[in-house]
């Protein structure tokens, strides 16, 4: 229905011009049937493609792939530093008036890149410390083969475009708004990511740093093998309905996420545990919840990490986004995109109507005065 309404006004504009030109019957200003059909084709193409692009743009998302540095390499690449050189005359007319053209020259025959390659076949380019890249950057020297990596990748997220058909919950985010952290997606220092989140908690920086380091190693161990991204949220509330607030805010997380949520109103005691993930392995969620609840103390980091590793390694199965492709049937483009397409379609239709009215692009043989 939306697409029909978007096309209605542009088609009416073109049809009105075609009918008016036929009634006027002035061969100097006639819109031929061929021109009218061309107008319709262009309008349908512009609005149709725009509608599809706007619809699918709402599914664009990013997820984290975890792995390790597999290779360090200095690479010879084409020189990036060009300058104009060798001026010479060009474009001369019959009177001998010429323009000046320039060749492109390069400062060097080649440059050097310093690159890291991961177990996921990702390439991370380390910034040069000199113009040509001849000196090895300290950050490249510091990196060791086997260091953990976390990098973003784009994917199509059908759930993001139509979340409430599955989650069926709205409003809890407002209740816990001060305790909802941003989704951890910001990479720092080329390939590192913090995934231990403590909104409004008073844990020391050293404790958080230790958790993040262990999570980086855990994700590096399981990231490629299980295609998983493990996150922990430690939140100071006794209300376990916080889980649904986080589901709402993060739209359930990404397809490869496994988010463990610890309720810690009285540090370091863990009052409750919940697991958020799109995996269909429900027994994994139950096992993690029960086993970590038995530990009951967030200071027992090594024990909790060991439980998570053993359970996720044996039970986690990443859910395929193709399982949710049916949600596209209920996806609609954003309102701003619909307004833009309506204006664009009307302008294209009006512009072509005027153009065909005044000109004869297909040489239909109209007489001119």
Protein backbone atom coordinates (compact mmCIF):
# COMPACT_ATOMS: atom_id res chain seq x y z
CA UNK A 1 0.00 0.00 0.00
CA UNK A 2 2.81 2.43 0.87
CA UNK A 3 4.50 1.85 -2.48
CA UNK A 4 1.19 2.39 -4.30
CA UNK A 5 0.64 5.69 -2.49
CA UNK A 6 4.19 6.83 -3.27
CA UNK A 7 3.59 6.17 -6.98
CA UNK A 8 0.10 7.64 -7.13
CA UNK A 9 0.89 11.37 -7.24
CA UNK A 10 3.90 11.12 -9.62
CA UNK A 11 1.85 8.96 -12.01
CA UNK A 12 -1.08 11.39 -11.85
CA UNK A 13 1.28 14.30 -12.64
CA UNK A 14 2.61 12.52 -15.72
CA UNK A 15 -0.82 11.35 -16.82
CA UNK A 16 -2.24 14.86 -16.46
CA UNK A 17 0.51 16.26 -18.67
CA UNK A 18 -0.04 13.53 -21.27
CA UNK A 19 -3.82 14.05 -21.38
CA UNK A 20 -3.50 17.85 -21.45
CA UNK A 21 -1.07 17.71 -24.36
CA UNK A 22 -3.43 15.39 -26.24
CA UNK A 23 -6.42 17.72 -25.67
CA UNK A 24 -4.44 20.83 -26.62
CA UNK A 25 -3.36 19.08 -29.82
CA UNK A 26 -0.54 21.54 -30.42
CA UNK A 27 2.24 19.69 -32.26
CA UNK A 28 4.79 22.16 -30.96
CA UNK A 29 4.13 20.96 -27.41
CA UNK A 30 3.03 17.36 -27.45
CA UNK A 31 3.89 14.53 -25.08
CA UNK A 32 3.96 11.36 -27.16
CA UNK A 33 2.90 7.96 -25.86
CA UNK A 34 6.53 6.84 -25.98
CA UNK A 35 7.60 9.80 -23.85
CA UNK A 36 4.79 9.16 -21.36
CA UNK A 37 5.76 5.48 -21.01
CA UNK A 38 9.39 6.51 -20.53
CA UNK A 39 8.29 8.89 -17.78
CA UNK A 40 6.41 6.08 -16.04
CA UNK A 41 9.39 3.74 -16.33
CA UNK A 42 11.76 6.30 -14.78
CA UNK A 43 9.34 7.11 -11.94
CA UNK A 44 8.75 3.41 -11.18
CA UNK A 45 12.50 2.76 -11.24
CA UNK A 46 13.43 5.68 -8.97
CA UNK A 47 10.70 5.09 -6.39
CA UNK A 48 10.89 1.28 -6.57
CA UNK A 49 14.65 1.11 -6.08
CA UNK A 50 14.53 3.83 -3.44
CA UNK A 51 11.83 1.97 -1.54
CA UNK A 52 13.78 -1.30 -1.56
CA UNK A 53 17.02 0.42 -0.51
CA UNK A 54 15.26 2.30 2.30
CA UNK A 55 13.60 -0.90 3.49
CA UNK A 56 16.82 -2.89 3.63
CA UNK A 57 18.84 -0.03 5.10
CA UNK A 58 16.98 -0.59 8.36
CA UNK A 59 18.50 -4.09 8.57
CA UNK A 60 22.14 -2.94 8.39
CA UNK A 61 24.03 -3.78 11.57
CA UNK A 62 27.46 -4.65 12.96
CA UNK A 63 28.68 -7.55 15.06
CA UNK A 64 32.00 -8.51 16.65
CA UNK A 65 34.22 -11.27 15.30
CA UNK A 66 36.79 -12.58 17.77
CA UNK A 67 40.08 -14.26 17.02
CA UNK A 68 43.82 -13.94 17.40
CA UNK A 69 46.71 -12.38 15.52
CA UNK A 70 47.86 -15.08 13.11
CA UNK A 71 50.49 -13.20 11.11
CA UNK A 72 52.51 -9.98 11.17
CA UNK A 73 53.77 -8.72 7.84
CA UNK A 74 55.62 -5.80 6.28
CA UNK A 75 54.10 -5.32 2.83
CA UNK A 76 55.39 -3.47 -0.22
CA UNK A 77 52.58 -1.34 -1.68
CA UNK A 78 52.15 1.28 -4.41
CA UNK A 79 53.36 4.74 -3.50
CA UNK A 80 50.58 6.92 -2.12
CA UNK A 81 52.36 10.27 -2.55
CA UNK A 82 51.71 11.73 -5.99
CA UNK A 83 52.26 15.19 -7.47
CA UNK A 84 51.62 16.84 -10.87
CA UNK A 85 54.64 16.93 -13.18
CA UNK A 86 55.76 17.29 -16.82
CA UNK A 87 53.41 20.05 -18.01
CA UNK A 88 52.54 19.78 -21.70
CA UNK A 89 50.03 21.36 -24.10
CA UNK A 90 46.77 19.51 -24.76
CA UNK A 91 43.26 20.08 -26.09
CA UNK A 92 44.43 22.45 -28.82
CA UNK A 93 41.82 24.01 -31.13
CA UNK A 94 42.20 24.87 -34.81
CA UNK A 95 43.55 28.31 -33.87
CA UNK A 96 46.39 26.84 -31.86
CA UNK A 97 44.96 27.68 -28.44
CA UNK A 98 45.95 24.96 -26.01
CA UNK A 99 45.34 23.99 -22.42
CA UNK A 100 48.05 22.72 -20.10
CA UNK A 101 47.93 19.13 -18.94
CA UNK A 102 50.07 17.44 -16.31
CA UNK A 103 51.32 13.92 -15.78
CA UNK A 104 51.16 12.23 -12.39
CA UNK A 105 54.49 11.46 -10.75
CA UNK A 106 55.23 9.67 -7.46
CA UNK A 107 57.74 10.48 -4.76
CA UNK A 108 58.83 6.85 -4.37
CA UNK A 109 58.74 3.68 -6.40
CA UNK A 110 56.80 2.02 -3.54
CA UNK A 111 55.70 2.42 0.12
CA UNK A 112 55.55 0.01 3.06
CA UNK A 113 52.52 -1.10 5.05
CA UNK A 114 52.73 -2.80 8.44
CA UNK A 115 49.79 -5.18 8.73
CA UNK A 116 48.36 -7.76 11.12
CA UNK A 117 46.29 -10.70 9.88
CA UNK A 118 43.87 -12.51 12.17
CA UNK A 119 42.58 -16.07 12.37
CA UNK A 120 39.38 -14.73 10.74
CA UNK A 121 41.37 -13.54 7.68
CA UNK A 122 40.97 -9.89 8.73
CA UNK A 123 43.64 -7.31 7.95
CA UNK A 124 44.58 -4.59 10.45
CA UNK A 125 46.84 -1.85 9.10
CA UNK A 126 49.07 -0.23 11.71
CA UNK A 127 49.54 3.49 11.18
CA UNK A 128 52.93 4.50 9.81
CA UNK A 129 55.30 6.61 11.86
CA UNK A 130 57.05 8.08 8.80
CA UNK A 131 55.73 9.17 5.41
CA UNK A 132 56.86 6.15 3.39
CA UNK A 133 56.53 3.53 6.13
CA UNK A 134 60.19 2.49 6.15
CA UNK A 135 60.45 2.49 9.96
CA UNK A 136 58.70 -0.21 11.96
CA UNK A 137 55.93 1.26 14.15
CA UNK A 138 56.30 0.52 17.89
CA UNK A 139 52.67 -0.73 17.94
CA UNK A 140 53.56 -3.32 15.29
CA UNK A 141 56.65 -4.38 17.26
CA UNK A 142 54.59 -4.69 20.45
CA UNK A 143 52.05 -7.03 18.85
CA UNK A 144 52.69 -10.75 19.29
CA UNK A 145 51.31 -13.61 17.27
CA UNK A 146 48.43 -15.02 19.29
CA UNK A 147 47.26 -11.71 20.76
CA UNK A 148 43.44 -11.58 21.00
CA UNK A 149 41.52 -9.59 18.38
CA UNK A 150 38.01 -8.18 18.16
CA UNK A 151 36.86 -6.46 14.96
CA UNK A 152 33.51 -5.28 13.63
CA UNK A 153 31.75 -6.85 10.64
CA UNK A 154 28.58 -5.76 8.87
CA UNK A 155 25.64 -8.10 8.58
CA UNK A 156 21.94 -8.06 7.76
CA UNK A 157 19.90 -7.99 10.96
CA UNK A 158 16.23 -8.75 10.24
CA UNK A 159 15.41 -8.52 13.95
CA UNK A 160 16.65 -4.93 14.13
CA UNK A 161 14.20 -3.92 11.40
CA UNK A 162 11.18 -5.55 13.07
CA UNK A 163 12.06 -6.27 16.73
CA UNK A 164 8.70 -6.15 18.49
CA UNK A 165 7.26 -9.01 16.47
CA UNK A 166 9.63 -11.23 18.49
CA UNK A 167 10.52 -9.41 21.72
CA UNK A 168 6.95 -8.24 22.43
CA UNK A 169 8.09 -5.99 25.26
CA UNK A 170 8.29 -2.22 25.39
CA UNK A 171 8.75 0.31 28.16
CA UNK A 172 11.14 -1.40 30.57
CA UNK A 173 14.14 0.49 29.24
CA UNK A 174 12.72 3.67 30.74
CA UNK A 175 12.46 1.99 34.14
CA UNK A 176 16.15 1.01 34.12
CA UNK A 177 17.45 3.80 31.89
CA UNK A 178 20.31 4.72 34.23
CA UNK A 179 21.49 1.11 34.32
CA UNK A 180 21.46 0.36 30.57
CA UNK A 181 24.97 0.60 29.11
CA UNK A 182 25.64 1.29 25.43
CA UNK A 183 26.16 -1.88 23.41
CA UNK A 184 29.94 -2.63 23.39
CA UNK A 185 30.98 -2.11 19.76
CA UNK A 186 33.75 0.53 19.98
CA UNK A 187 37.14 -0.97 19.12
CA UNK A 188 40.20 0.66 20.67
CA UNK A 189 43.94 0.27 20.04
CA UNK A 190 43.25 -1.39 16.66
CA UNK A 191 41.76 -4.70 17.83
CA UNK A 192 40.68 -4.58 21.48
CA UNK A 193 37.21 -4.30 23.01
CA UNK A 194 35.89 -4.02 26.57
CA UNK A 195 32.97 -6.38 27.23
CA UNK A 196 32.70 -6.34 31.01
CA UNK A 197 30.11 -3.65 31.70
CA UNK A 198 29.34 -2.28 35.16
CA UNK A 199 26.76 0.51 34.90
CA UNK A 200 26.52 2.53 38.14
CA UNK A 201 28.66 0.00 39.99
CA UNK A 202 31.61 0.90 42.20
CA UNK A 203 34.02 -1.86 41.16
CA UNK A 204 37.63 -0.77 40.99
CA UNK A 205 39.32 -0.11 37.66
CA UNK A 206 41.70 -3.02 38.36
CA UNK A 207 38.81 -5.46 38.81
CA UNK A 208 37.14 -4.33 35.58
CA UNK A 209 40.44 -4.48 33.72
CA UNK A 210 41.06 -8.06 34.88
CA UNK A 211 37.56 -9.13 33.79
CA UNK A 212 37.99 -7.48 30.39
CA UNK A 213 41.35 -9.16 29.87
CA UNK A 214 39.91 -12.57 30.70
CA UNK A 215 36.94 -11.95 28.43
CA UNK A 216 39.25 -10.98 25.57
CA UNK A 217 41.12 -14.28 26.00
CA UNK A 218 37.89 -16.28 26.36
CA UNK A 219 36.45 -14.73 23.21
CA UNK A 220 39.71 -15.28 21.35
CA UNK A 221 39.64 -18.98 22.32
CA UNK A 222 36.01 -19.52 21.31
CA UNK A 223 35.33 -16.74 18.81
CA UNK A 224 36.33 -18.52 15.61
CA UNK A 225 35.54 -22.04 16.81
CA UNK A 226 32.01 -21.29 18.09
CA UNK A 227 31.34 -17.96 16.29
CA UNK A 228 30.41 -16.39 19.60
CA UNK A 229 30.80 -12.99 21.26
CA UNK A 230 30.64 -13.19 25.07
CA UNK A 231 29.62 -10.14 27.12
CA UNK A 232 29.08 -9.72 30.86
CA UNK A 233 26.88 -7.03 32.41
CA UNK A 234 27.19 -6.65 36.19
CA UNK A 235 24.34 -4.45 37.39
CA UNK A 236 23.54 -3.24 40.94
CA UNK A 237 19.86 -4.17 41.12
CA UNK A 238 17.88 -6.95 42.78
CA UNK A 239 15.22 -6.81 40.04
CA UNK A 240 15.85 -9.56 37.47
CA UNK A 241 13.34 -8.01 35.04
CA UNK A 242 16.35 -5.90 34.07
CA UNK A 243 17.00 -8.69 31.54
CA UNK A 244 13.97 -7.59 29.50
CA UNK A 245 15.02 -3.94 29.65
CA UNK A 246 18.41 -4.88 28.21
CA UNK A 247 16.71 -7.02 25.55
CA UNK A 248 14.65 -4.01 24.56
CA UNK A 249 17.59 -1.59 24.52
CA UNK A 250 19.96 -3.94 22.67
CA UNK A 251 17.20 -5.55 20.52
CA UNK A 252 18.17 -8.92 21.94
CA UNK A 253 21.85 -8.47 21.04
CA UNK A 254 23.54 -9.62 17.84
CA UNK A 255 23.08 -13.09 16.38
CA UNK A 256 26.43 -14.33 17.75
CA UNK A 257 26.13 -12.75 21.22
CA UNK A 258 25.93 -14.51 24.54
CA UNK A 259 25.31 -11.95 27.28
CA UNK A 260 25.57 -13.02 30.92
CA UNK A 261 23.85 -10.60 33.31
CA UNK A 262 24.73 -10.61 37.01
CA UNK A 263 22.51 -8.83 39.55
CA UNK A 264 24.82 -7.48 42.29
CA UNK A 265 22.92 -5.14 44.61
CA UNK A 266 25.35 -6.03 47.41
CA UNK A 267 28.86 -6.40 46.03
CA UNK A 268 30.43 -8.96 45.68
CA UNK A 269 27.42 -11.27 46.14
CA UNK A 270 25.64 -12.32 42.92
CA UNK A 271 21.90 -12.27 43.70
CA UNK A 272 20.69 -13.48 40.31
CA UNK A 273 21.98 -14.54 36.91
CA UNK A 274 20.30 -14.33 33.52
CA UNK A 275 21.54 -15.13 30.00
CA UNK A 276 20.53 -13.26 26.85
CA UNK A 277 21.26 -14.89 23.50
CA UNK A 278 19.51 -15.80 20.25
CA UNK A 279 20.95 -19.32 20.43
CA UNK A 280 18.33 -22.07 20.42
CA UNK A 281 20.40 -24.03 22.97
CA UNK A 282 18.14 -23.22 25.92
CA UNK A 283 19.87 -25.81 28.08
CA UNK A 284 23.06 -23.71 27.83
CA UNK A 285 21.27 -20.66 29.25
CA UNK A 286 19.88 -22.70 32.13
CA UNK A 287 23.24 -24.35 32.88
CA UNK A 288 25.12 -21.05 32.90
CA UNK A 289 22.49 -19.44 35.09
CA UNK A 290 22.52 -22.25 37.65
CA UNK A 291 26.27 -22.88 37.75
CA UNK A 292 27.24 -19.21 38.09
CA UNK A 293 24.49 -18.70 40.68
CA UNK A 294 26.11 -21.52 42.70
CA UNK A 295 29.43 -19.67 42.63
CA UNK A 296 27.57 -16.62 43.90
CA UNK A 297 30.53 -14.25 44.16
CA UNK A 298 31.78 -12.02 41.35
CA UNK A 299 35.27 -11.95 42.86
CA UNK A 300 35.65 -15.62 41.85
CA UNK A 301 36.47 -14.51 38.32
CA UNK A 302 38.63 -17.47 37.34
CA UNK A 303 35.95 -19.96 38.37
CA UNK A 304 33.18 -18.11 36.51
CA UNK A 305 35.29 -17.81 33.34
CA UNK A 306 36.09 -21.54 33.49
CA UNK A 307 32.38 -22.42 33.79
CA UNK A 308 31.51 -20.14 30.88
CA UNK A 309 34.25 -21.57 28.68
CA UNK A 310 33.34 -25.20 29.35
CA UNK A 311 29.60 -24.70 28.81
CA UNK A 312 29.83 -22.43 25.77
CA UNK A 313 32.45 -24.60 24.10
CA UNK A 314 30.28 -27.71 24.40
CA UNK A 315 26.76 -26.31 24.02
CA UNK A 316 26.67 -22.97 22.17
CA UNK A 317 25.23 -22.99 18.65
CA UNK A 318 25.07 -19.69 16.79
CA UNK A 319 21.63 -18.90 15.43
CA UNK A 320 21.57 -18.17 11.70
CA UNK A 321 20.04 -14.84 10.72
CA UNK A 322 18.29 -16.64 7.86
CA UNK A 323 16.00 -18.07 10.55
CA UNK A 324 14.53 -14.57 10.93
CA UNK A 325 14.28 -13.59 7.28
CA UNK A 326 10.49 -13.89 7.46
CA UNK A 327 10.49 -10.68 9.53
CA UNK A 328 11.20 -8.68 6.37
CA UNK A 329 7.54 -9.06 5.43
CA UNK A 330 6.66 -6.64 8.22
CA UNK A 331 9.49 -4.17 7.66
CA UNK A 332 8.68 -0.70 6.37
CA UNK A 333 11.09 2.08 5.40
CA UNK A 334 11.60 4.93 7.89
CA UNK A 335 9.07 7.77 7.68
CA UNK A 336 11.73 10.26 6.60
CA UNK A 337 12.63 7.97 3.68
CA UNK A 338 8.99 7.72 2.58
CA UNK A 339 8.64 11.51 2.62
CA UNK A 340 11.87 11.91 0.66
CA UNK A 341 10.78 9.33 -1.94
CA UNK A 342 7.40 11.06 -2.34
CA UNK A 343 9.08 14.43 -2.97
CA UNK A 344 11.70 12.89 -5.27
CA UNK A 345 9.09 10.99 -7.30
CA UNK A 346 6.92 14.10 -7.72
CA UNK A 347 9.91 16.23 -8.77
CA UNK A 348 11.11 13.61 -11.28
CA UNK A 349 7.62 13.23 -12.74
CA UNK A 350 7.04 16.99 -12.96
CA UNK A 351 10.49 17.62 -14.39
CA UNK A 352 10.17 14.95 -17.09
CA UNK A 353 6.66 16.14 -17.96
CA UNK A 354 7.98 19.65 -18.56
CA UNK A 355 11.02 18.34 -20.46
CA UNK A 356 8.93 16.17 -22.80
CA UNK A 357 6.46 19.06 -23.22
CA UNK A 358 9.18 21.46 -24.41
CA UNK A 359 11.60 19.11 -26.17
CA UNK A 360 11.49 16.15 -28.54
CA UNK A 361 14.11 13.72 -27.18
CA UNK A 362 12.89 10.78 -29.28
CA UNK A 363 12.55 12.77 -32.51
CA UNK A 364 8.84 12.07 -32.89
CA UNK A 365 8.69 14.51 -35.79
CA UNK A 366 6.74 17.36 -34.17
CA UNK A 367 6.91 20.60 -36.13
CA UNK A 368 8.78 23.53 -34.64
CA UNK A 369 8.32 27.25 -34.95
